[in-house]
PDB file of N, CA and C in Angstrom:
ATOM      1  N   MET A   1      43.572 128.092 177.059  1.00  0.00           N
ATOM      2  CA  MET A   1      44.117 126.797 176.490  1.00  0.00           C
ATOM      3  C   MET A   1      45.773 126.833 177.273  1.00  0.00           C
ATOM      4  N   THR A   2      45.861 125.844 177.056  1.00  0.00           N
ATOM      5  CA  THR A   2      47.370 125.650 176.889  1.00  0.00           C
ATOM      6  C   THR A   2      47.899 125.215 175.804  1.00  0.00           C
ATOM      7  N   SER A   3      49.047 125.977 175.825  1.00  0.00           N
ATOM      8  CA  SER A   3      50.012 125.359 174.818  1.00  0.00           C
ATOM      9  C   SER A   3      51.036 124.155 174.947  1.00  0.00           C
ATOM     10  N   GLU A   4      51.097 123.507 176.054  1.00  0.00           N
ATOM     11  CA  GLU A   4      51.289 121.983 175.821  1.00  0.00           C
ATOM     12  C   GLU A   4      50.693 121.217 175.489  1.00  0.00           C
ATOM     13  N   LYS A   5      52.518 120.263 174.986  1.00  0.00           N
ATOM     14  CA  LYS A   5      51.816 118.972 174.002  1.00  0.00           C
ATOM     15  C   LYS A   5      52.666 118.259 174.271  1.00  0.00           C
ATOM     16  N   ALA A   6      52.085 117.109 174.084  1.00  0.00           N
ATOM     17  CA  ALA A   6      52.902 115.923 174.811  1.00  0.00           C
ATOM     18  C   ALA A   6      53.472 114.866 173.174  1.00  0.00           C
ATOM     19  N   CYS A   7      54.793 114.452 173.888  1.00  0.00           N
ATOM     20  CA  CYS A   7      55.393 113.854 173.130  1.00  0.00           C
ATOM     21  C   CYS A   7      55.460 112.335 172.099  1.00  0.00           C
ATOM     22  N   LYS A   8      55.110 112.392 171.581  1.00  0.00           N
ATOM     23  CA  LYS A   8      54.639 111.513 171.028  1.00  0.00           C
ATOM     24  C   LYS A   8      55.546 110.006 171.031  1.00  0.00           C
ATOM     25  N   LYS A   9      56.973 110.484 171.221  1.00  0.00           N
ATOM     26  CA  LYS A   9      57.621 109.470 171.264  1.00  0.00           C
ATOM     27  C   LYS A   9      57.278 108.818 173.094  1.00  0.00           C
ATOM     28  N   CYS A  10      57.507 109.444 174.187  1.00  0.00           N
ATOM     29  CA  CYS A  10      58.238 109.536 175.445  1.00  0.00           C
ATOM     30  C   CYS A  10      56.578 109.627 176.296  1.00  0.00           C
ATOM     31  N   LYS A  11      55.780 110.989 175.460  1.00  0.00           N
ATOM     32  CA  LYS A  11      55.048 110.838 176.291  1.00  0.00           C
ATOM     33  C   LYS A  11      54.912 112.138 177.565  1.00  0.00           C
ATOM     34  N   LYS A  12      56.131 112.464 177.664  1.00  0.00           N
ATOM     35  CA  LYS A  12      56.665 113.816 178.031  1.00  0.00           C
ATOM     36  C   LYS A  12      55.897 115.003 177.804  1.00  0.00           C
ATOM     37  N   ILE A  13      55.039 116.133 178.592  1.00  0.00           N
ATOM     38  CA  ILE A  13      54.612 116.880 178.389  1.00  0.00           C
ATOM     39  C   ILE A  13      55.980 118.070 178.545  1.00  0.00           C
ATOM     40  N   VAL A  14      55.906 118.966 177.299  1.00  0.00           N
ATOM     41  CA  VAL A  14      56.689 119.903 177.076  1.00  0.00           C
ATOM     42  C   VAL A  14      55.537 120.987 176.692  1.00  0.00           C
ATOM     43  N   GLU A  15      56.794 121.913 176.792  1.00  0.00           N
ATOM     44  CA  GLU A  15      55.776 123.817 175.845  1.00  0.00           C
ATOM     45  C   GLU A  15      55.979 124.163 174.974  1.00  0.00           C
ATOM     46  N   GLY A  16      58.092 123.561 174.672  1.00  0.00           N
ATOM     47  CA  GLY A  16      58.707 124.132 173.685  1.00  0.00           C
ATOM     48  C   GLY A  16      58.529 123.481 172.505  1.00  0.00           C
ATOM     49  N   LYS A  17      59.318 123.250 171.825  1.00  0.00           N
ATOM     50  CA  LYS A  17      59.409 122.913 170.150  1.00  0.00           C
ATOM     51  C   LYS A  17      60.224 121.407 169.657  1.00  0.00           C
ATOM     52  N   GLN A  18      60.398 120.778 171.706  1.00  0.00           N
ATOM     53  CA  GLN A  18      61.620 119.928 171.691  1.00  0.00           C
ATOM     54  C   GLN A  18      61.191 119.440 172.878  1.00  0.00           C
ATOM     55  N   CYS A  19      61.187 117.658 172.804  1.00  0.00           N
ATOM     56  CA  CYS A  19      60.979 116.710 174.467  1.00  0.00           C
ATOM     57  C   CYS A  19      62.479 117.203 174.861  1.00  0.00           C
ATOM     58  N   PRO A  20      62.696 117.752 175.868  1.00  0.00           N
ATOM     59  CA  PRO A  20      64.336 117.207 176.999  1.00  0.00           C
ATOM     60  C   PRO A  20      64.575 116.172 177.201  1.00  0.00           C
ATOM     61  N   VAL A  21      63.642 114.871 176.841  1.00  0.00           N
ATOM     62  CA  VAL A  21      63.852 113.898 177.710  1.00  0.00           C
ATOM     63  C   VAL A  21      64.022 112.556 176.423  1.00  0.00           C
ATOM     64  N   CYS A  22      63.685 113.049 175.730  1.00  0.00           N
ATOM     65  CA  CYS A  22      64.006 111.883 173.910  1.00  0.00           C
ATOM     66  C   CYS A  22      64.847 112.524 172.985  1.00  0.00           C
ATOM     67  N   GLY A  23      64.092 114.398 173.193  1.00  0.00           N
ATOM     68  CA  GLY A  23      64.999 115.109 171.995  1.00  0.00           C
ATOM     69  C   GLY A  23      64.506 114.590 170.919  1.00  0.00           C
ATOM     70  N   SER A  24      62.579 114.085 170.874  1.00  0.00           N
ATOM     71  CA  SER A  24      62.023 114.194 169.305  1.00  0.00           C
ATOM     72  C   SER A  24      61.471 115.611 169.072  1.00  0.00           C
ATOM     73  N   GLU A  25      60.645 115.979 168.249  1.00  0.00           N
ATOM     74  CA  GLU A  25      60.267 116.893 168.053  1.00  0.00           C
ATOM     75  C   GLU A  25      58.609 116.461 167.403  1.00  0.00           C
ATOM     76  N   ASP A  26      58.801 115.265 167.431  1.00  0.00           N
ATOM     77  CA  ASP A  26      57.477 114.816 166.867  1.00  0.00           C
ATOM     78  C   ASP A  26      56.192 115.251 168.631  1.00  0.00           C
ATOM     79  N   LEU A  27      55.508 116.345 168.281  1.00  0.00           N
ATOM     80  CA  LEU A  27      54.616 116.471 169.601  1.00  0.00           C
ATOM     81  C   LEU A  27      53.569 116.684 168.699  1.00  0.00           C
ATOM     82  N   THR A  28      52.490 116.261 169.887  1.00  0.00           N
ATOM     83  CA  THR A  28      50.982 116.739 169.515  1.00  0.00           C
ATOM     84  C   THR A  28      50.425 117.180 170.919  1.00  0.00           C
ATOM     85  N   PRO A  29      49.341 118.181 170.777  1.00  0.00           N
ATOM     86  CA  PRO A  29      48.116 119.085 171.260  1.00  0.00           C
ATOM     87  C   PRO A  29      47.172 118.047 171.288  1.00  0.00           C
ATOM     88  N   HIS A  30      47.415 117.067 171.479  1.00  0.00           N
ATOM     89  CA  HIS A  30      45.835 115.710 171.501  1.00  0.00           C
ATOM     90  C   HIS A  30      46.299 114.342 172.332  1.00  0.00           C
ATOM     91  N   TRP A  31      46.378 115.191 173.859  1.00  0.00           N
ATOM     92  CA  TRP A  31      46.611 113.889 174.678  1.00  0.00           C
ATOM     93  C   TRP A  31      45.492 114.076 176.029  1.00  0.00           C
ATOM     94  N   ARG A  32      45.430 113.119 176.629  1.00  0.00           N
ATOM     95  CA  ARG A  32      44.828 113.216 178.338  1.00  0.00           C
ATOM     96  C   ARG A  32      45.540 112.339 178.653  1.00  0.00           C
ATOM     97  N   GLY A  33      45.314 113.142 180.223  1.00  0.00           N
ATOM     98  CA  GLY A  33      45.195 112.160 181.395  1.00  0.00           C
ATOM     99  C   GLY A  33      46.835 112.582 181.954  1.00  0.00           C
ATOM    100  N   ILE A  34      47.137 112.928 182.871  1.00  0.00           N
ATOM    101  CA  ILE A  34      48.379 113.549 183.733  1.00  0.00           C
ATOM    102  C   ILE A  34      49.116 112.498 184.558  1.00  0.00           C
ATOM    103  N   ILE A  35      50.208 112.466 184.541  1.00  0.00           N
ATOM    104  CA  ILE A  35      50.963 111.737 185.685  1.00  0.00           C
ATOM    105  C   ILE A  35      52.166 112.420 185.996  1.00  0.00           C
ATOM    106  N   TYR A  36      51.801 112.809 187.396  1.00  0.00           N
ATOM    107  CA  TYR A  36      53.524 113.070 187.632  1.00  0.00           C
ATOM    108  C   TYR A  36      54.597 112.448 188.668  1.00  0.00           C
ATOM    109  N   ILE A  37      55.748 112.489 187.926  1.00  0.00           N
ATOM    110  CA  ILE A  37      56.902 111.450 188.530  1.00  0.00           C
ATOM    111  C   ILE A  37      57.466 111.768 188.796  1.00  0.00           C
ATOM    112  N   VAL A  38      57.798 112.018 190.361  1.00  0.00           N
ATOM    113  CA  VAL A  38      58.727 112.242 191.232  1.00  0.00           C
ATOM    114  C   VAL A  38      59.770 111.545 191.443  1.00  0.00           C
ATOM    115  N   ASP A  39      60.128 110.267 191.814  1.00  0.00           N
ATOM    116  CA  ASP A  39      61.199 109.639 192.061  1.00  0.00           C
ATOM    117  C   ASP A  39      61.171 108.400 191.527  1.00  0.00           C
ATOM    118  N   PRO A  40      61.520 108.363 189.422  1.00  0.00           N
ATOM    119  CA  PRO A  40      60.804 106.995 188.745  1.00  0.00           C
ATOM    120  C   PRO A  40      61.574 105.829 189.157  1.00  0.00           C
ATOM    121  N   GLU A  41      62.889 105.618 190.190  1.00  0.00           N
ATOM    122  CA  GLU A  41      63.081 104.634 190.751  1.00  0.00           C
ATOM    123  C   GLU A  41      62.614 103.788 191.793  1.00  0.00           C
ATOM    124  N   LYS A  42      61.779 104.783 192.099  1.00  0.00           N
ATOM    125  CA  LYS A  42      60.962 103.804 193.499  1.00  0.00           C
ATOM    126  C   LYS A  42      59.195 103.653 193.036  1.00  0.00           C
ATOM    127  N   SER A  43      58.972 104.687 192.101  1.00  0.00           N
ATOM    128  CA  SER A  43      57.753 104.168 191.626  1.00  0.00           C
ATOM    129  C   SER A  43      57.428 102.973 190.895  1.00  0.00           C
ATOM    130  N   GLU A  44      56.092 102.597 191.193  1.00  0.00           N
ATOM    131  CA  GLU A  44      56.143 101.665 190.417  1.00  0.00           C
ATOM    132  C   GLU A  44      55.452 101.661 189.390  1.00  0.00           C
ATOM    133  N   LEU A  45      54.960 102.198 189.131  1.00  0.00           N
ATOM    134  CA  LEU A  45      54.028 103.334 188.049  1.00  0.00           C
ATOM    135  C   LEU A  45      54.743 103.589 186.938  1.00  0.00           C
ATOM    136  N   ALA A  46      56.050 104.216 187.117  1.00  0.00           N
ATOM    137  CA  ALA A  46      57.092 104.586 186.474  1.00  0.00           C
ATOM    138  C   ALA A  46      57.455 103.564 185.197  1.00  0.00           C
ATOM    139  N   LYS A  47      58.289 102.516 186.688  1.00  0.00           N
ATOM    140  CA  LYS A  47      58.501 100.703 186.324  1.00  0.00           C
ATOM    141  C   LYS A  47      57.601 100.549 185.049  1.00  0.00           C
ATOM    142  N   LYS A  48      56.243 100.690 184.690  1.00  0.00           N
ATOM    143  CA  LYS A  48      55.408 100.138 184.019  1.00  0.00           C
ATOM    144  C   LYS A  48      55.255 100.856 182.995  1.00  0.00           C
ATOM    145  N   LEU A  49      55.566 102.124 183.828  1.00  0.00           N
ATOM    146  CA  LEU A  49      55.249 102.844 181.896  1.00  0.00           C
ATOM    147  C   LEU A  49      56.473 102.745 181.340  1.00  0.00           C
ATOM    148  N   LYS A  50      57.721 102.395 181.903  1.00  0.00           N
ATOM    149  CA  LYS A  50      59.175 102.902 181.350  1.00  0.00           C
ATOM    150  C   LYS A  50      59.174 104.443 181.435  1.00  0.00           C
ATOM    151  N   ILE A  51      59.389 104.692 182.382  1.00  0.00           N
ATOM    152  CA  ILE A  51      59.344 106.471 182.219  1.00  0.00           C
ATOM    153  C   ILE A  51      60.743 106.253 183.841  1.00  0.00           C
ATOM    154  N   GLY A  52      61.912 107.023 182.988  1.00  0.00           N
ATOM    155  CA  GLY A  52      62.780 106.811 183.767  1.00  0.00           C
ATOM    156  C   GLY A  52      63.583 108.073 184.344  1.00  0.00           C
ATOM    157  N   THR A  53      62.639 109.594 183.752  1.00  0.00           N
ATOM    158  CA  THR A  53      63.178 110.718 183.720  1.00  0.00           C
ATOM    159  C   THR A  53      61.642 111.512 184.864  1.00  0.00           C
ATOM    160  N   PRO A  54      61.874 111.902 185.921  1.00  0.00           N
ATOM    161  CA  PRO A  54      61.160 112.528 186.347  1.00  0.00           C
ATOM    162  C   PRO A  54      60.540 113.974 185.855  1.00  0.00           C
ATOM    163  N   GLY A  55      59.085 114.007 185.638  1.00  0.00           N
ATOM    164  CA  GLY A  55      58.781 114.989 185.056  1.00  0.00           C
ATOM    165  C   GLY A  55      56.667 114.392 185.240  1.00  0.00           C
ATOM    166  N   LYS A  56      56.055 115.709 184.417  1.00  0.00           N
ATOM    167  CA  LYS A  56      54.659 115.860 183.908  1.00  0.00           C
ATOM    168  C   LYS A  56      54.633 114.177 182.196  1.00  0.00           C
ATOM    169  N   TYR A  57      53.518 113.387 182.466  1.00  0.00           N
ATOM    170  CA  TYR A  57      53.453 112.565 181.296  1.00  0.00           C
ATOM    171  C   TYR A  57      52.093 113.083 181.282  1.00  0.00           C
ATOM    172  N   ALA A  58      51.581 112.592 179.856  1.00  0.00           N
ATOM    173  CA  ALA A  58      50.615 112.444 179.443  1.00  0.00           C
ATOM    174  C   ALA A  58      50.298 110.838 179.378  1.00  0.00           C
ATOM    175  N   LEU A  59      49.281 110.361 179.926  1.00  0.00           N
ATOM    176  CA  LEU A  59      48.457 109.324 180.141  1.00  0.00           C
ATOM    177  C   LEU A  59      48.098 108.391 178.948  1.00  0.00           C
ATOM    178  N   LYS A  60      47.376 109.302 177.597  1.00  0.00           N
ATOM    179  CA  LYS A  60      46.819 109.001 176.121  1.00  0.00           C
ATOM    180  C   LYS A  60      47.318 109.537 175.052  1.00  0.00           C
ATOM    181  N   VAL A  61      48.391 109.617 174.243  1.00  0.00           N
ATOM    182  CA  VAL A  61      48.370 110.307 173.266  1.00  0.00           C
ATOM    183  C   VAL A  61      47.999 110.009 172.335  1.00  0.00           C
ATOM    184  N   ARG A  62      47.269 110.880 171.284  1.00  0.00           N
ATOM    185  CA  ARG A  62      47.008 110.658 169.822  1.00  0.00           C
ATOM    186  C   ARG A  62      47.706 111.106 168.499  1.00  0.00           C
TER     187      ARG A  62
END
């Protein structure tokens, strides 16, 4: 079982108690799908999803 949670605000997948991207503490273990963003400036998908920081993100967060 993983201890990873997704931020409800920006969808970043984190292991701590606070999101390093947006600073939110509103995290949930209920998420599905993963997308890895390496270069958000060149990624069309990152632009569409409004992701500006490299990392691992959830596609769906409940």
